[in-house]
C-alpha atoms as a PDB file:
ATOM      1  CA  MET A   1      -8.512  -7.705  -5.907  1.00  0.00           C
ATOM      2  CA  SER A   2      -7.375  -9.939  -8.732  1.00  0.00           C
ATOM      3  CA  LYS A   3      -6.608 -13.577  -8.078  1.00  0.00           C
ATOM      4  CA  ASN A   4      -2.901 -12.952  -8.793  1.00  0.00           C
ATOM      5  CA  ALA A   5      -2.783  -9.979  -6.385  1.00  0.00           C
ATOM      6  CA  GLU A   6      -4.501 -12.110  -3.762  1.00  0.00           C
ATOM      7  CA  LEU A   7      -1.931 -14.908  -4.242  1.00  0.00           C
ATOM      8  CA  ILE A   8       0.951 -12.412  -4.042  1.00  0.00           C
ATOM      9  CA  LYS A   9      -0.445 -11.104  -0.749  1.00  0.00           C
ATOM     10  CA  LYS A  10      -0.598 -14.694   0.590  1.00  0.00           C
ATOM     11  CA  VAL A  11       2.954 -15.374  -0.565  1.00  0.00           C
ATOM     12  CA  GLU A  12       4.224 -12.211   1.111  1.00  0.00           C
ATOM     13  CA  ASN A  13       2.440 -13.267   4.299  1.00  0.00           C
ATOM     14  CA  VAL A  14       4.193 -16.681   4.305  1.00  0.00           C
ATOM     15  CA  ILE A  15       7.538 -14.971   3.629  1.00  0.00           C
ATOM     16  CA  ASP A  16       6.891 -12.615   6.566  1.00  0.00           C
ATOM     17  CA  GLN A  17       6.300 -15.670   8.820  1.00  0.00           C
ATOM     18  CA  ILE A  18       9.536 -17.337   7.664  1.00  0.00           C
ATOM     19  CA  ARG A  19      11.732 -14.205   7.715  1.00  0.00           C
ATOM     20  CA  PRO A  20      12.512 -14.185  11.496  1.00  0.00           C
ATOM     21  CA  TYR A  21      14.051 -17.647  11.275  1.00  0.00           C
ATOM     22  CA  LEU A  22      16.314 -16.553   8.376  1.00  0.00           C
ATOM     23  CA  GLU A  23      17.185 -13.308  10.144  1.00  0.00           C
ATOM     24  CA  ALA A  24      18.255 -15.258  13.245  1.00  0.00           C
ATOM     25  CA  ASP A  25      21.000 -16.806  11.084  1.00  0.00           C
ATOM     26  CA  GLY A  26      21.978 -13.486   9.429  1.00  0.00           C
ATOM     27  CA  GLY A  27      19.937 -14.006   6.294  1.00  0.00           C
ATOM     28  CA  ASN A  28      16.789 -12.732   4.658  1.00  0.00           C
ATOM     29  CA  ILE A  29      14.438 -13.459   1.749  1.00  0.00           C
ATOM     30  CA  ARG A  30      12.746 -11.225  -0.829  1.00  0.00           C
ATOM     31  CA  LEU A  31       9.909 -12.044  -3.199  1.00  0.00           C
ATOM     32  CA  VAL A  32      10.954 -11.361  -6.762  1.00  0.00           C
ATOM     33  CA  GLU A  33       7.906 -12.588  -8.650  1.00  0.00           C
ATOM     34  CA  LEU A  34       5.028 -15.015  -8.805  1.00  0.00           C
ATOM     35  CA  THR A  35       5.072 -16.508 -12.314  1.00  0.00           C
ATOM     36  CA  ASP A  36       1.978 -17.285 -14.384  1.00  0.00           C
ATOM     37  CA  ASP A  37       2.599 -20.989 -13.773  1.00  0.00           C
ATOM     38  CA  LEU A  38       2.561 -20.395  -9.969  1.00  0.00           C
ATOM     39  CA  VAL A  39       6.291 -20.633  -9.300  1.00  0.00           C
ATOM     40  CA  VAL A  40       7.507 -18.281  -6.565  1.00  0.00           C
ATOM     41  CA  ASN A  41      10.877 -16.710  -7.403  1.00  0.00           C
ATOM     42  CA  VAL A  42      12.749 -15.384  -4.405  1.00  0.00           C
ATOM     43  CA  GLU A  43      16.123 -13.863  -3.725  1.00  0.00           C
ATOM     44  CA  LEU A  44      18.042 -15.166  -0.694  1.00  0.00           C
ATOM     45  CA  LEU A  45      19.932 -12.295   0.973  1.00  0.00           C
ATOM     46  CA  GLY A  46      22.686 -11.903   3.536  1.00  0.00           C
ATOM     47  CA  ALA A  47      24.097 -15.108   4.931  1.00  0.00           C
ATOM     48  CA  CYS A  48      21.409 -17.117   3.044  1.00  0.00           C
ATOM     49  CA  GLY A  49      22.832 -15.956  -0.311  1.00  0.00           C
ATOM     50  CA  SER A  50      26.164 -17.639   0.273  1.00  0.00           C
ATOM     51  CA  CYS A  51      25.275 -20.477   2.627  1.00  0.00           C
ATOM     52  CA  PRO A  52      25.945 -23.998   1.264  1.00  0.00           C
ATOM     53  CA  MET A  53      22.762 -25.194   2.984  1.00  0.00           C
ATOM     54  CA  SER A  54      20.554 -22.485   1.415  1.00  0.00           C
ATOM     55  CA  GLN A  55      19.093 -24.850  -1.198  1.00  0.00           C
ATOM     56  CA  MET A  56      17.991 -27.223   1.519  1.00  0.00           C
ATOM     57  CA  THR A  57      16.554 -24.341   3.527  1.00  0.00           C
ATOM     58  CA  LEU A  58      14.739 -23.170   0.424  1.00  0.00           C
ATOM     59  CA  LYS A  59      13.185 -26.533  -0.446  1.00  0.00           C
ATOM     60  CA  ALA A  60      12.683 -28.103   2.985  1.00  0.00           C
ATOM     61  CA  GLY A  61      11.710 -24.877   4.779  1.00  0.00           C
ATOM     62  CA  VAL A  62      10.447 -22.149   2.555  1.00  0.00           C
ATOM     63  CA  GLU A  63       8.870 -24.255  -0.201  1.00  0.00           C
ATOM     64  CA  GLN A  64       7.154 -26.625   2.202  1.00  0.00           C
ATOM     65  CA  ALA A  65       5.732 -23.772   4.260  1.00  0.00           C
ATOM     66  CA  MET A  66       4.581 -22.021   1.073  1.00  0.00           C
ATOM     67  CA  LYS A  67       2.872 -25.142  -0.356  1.00  0.00           C
ATOM     68  CA  LYS A  68       1.222 -25.911   2.995  1.00  0.00           C
ATOM     69  CA  ALA A  69      -0.231 -22.407   3.238  1.00  0.00           C
ATOM     70  CA  ILE A  70      -0.975 -22.002  -0.477  1.00  0.00           C
ATOM     71  CA  PRO A  71      -1.564 -25.419  -2.164  1.00  0.00           C
ATOM     72  CA  GLU A  72      -1.756 -23.803  -5.629  1.00  0.00           C
ATOM     73  CA  ILE A  73       1.985 -22.946  -5.528  1.00  0.00           C
ATOM     74  CA  LYS A  74       4.021 -25.353  -7.684  1.00  0.00           C
ATOM     75  CA  SER A  75       7.505 -24.554  -6.371  1.00  0.00           C
ATOM     76  CA  VAL A  76       9.778 -21.936  -4.847  1.00  0.00           C
ATOM     77  CA  GLU A  77      13.010 -21.107  -6.690  1.00  0.00           C
ATOM     78  CA  ALA A  78      15.942 -18.914  -5.753  1.00  0.00           C
ATOM     79  CA  ILE A  79      17.096 -16.633  -8.521  1.00  0.00           C
ATOM     80  CA  ASN A  80      20.523 -16.056  -7.036  1.00  0.00           C
END
């Protein structure tokens, strides 16, 4: 498995761990891509897509969990 494929698998695993918390509030998250410079692009779905607090959830929740599990990750960005 390539290093990139391995990282994508780890990113998907972290997203799967976070997803139940977002679903509890009517939202969801989808991995769009892992860029060459190790930025994770995600799409916030459902209630998360329109929630005024979604940016805080993304940075304080998703990004922190991602960086803790995968230190190589530079940031997590929402594309929507």
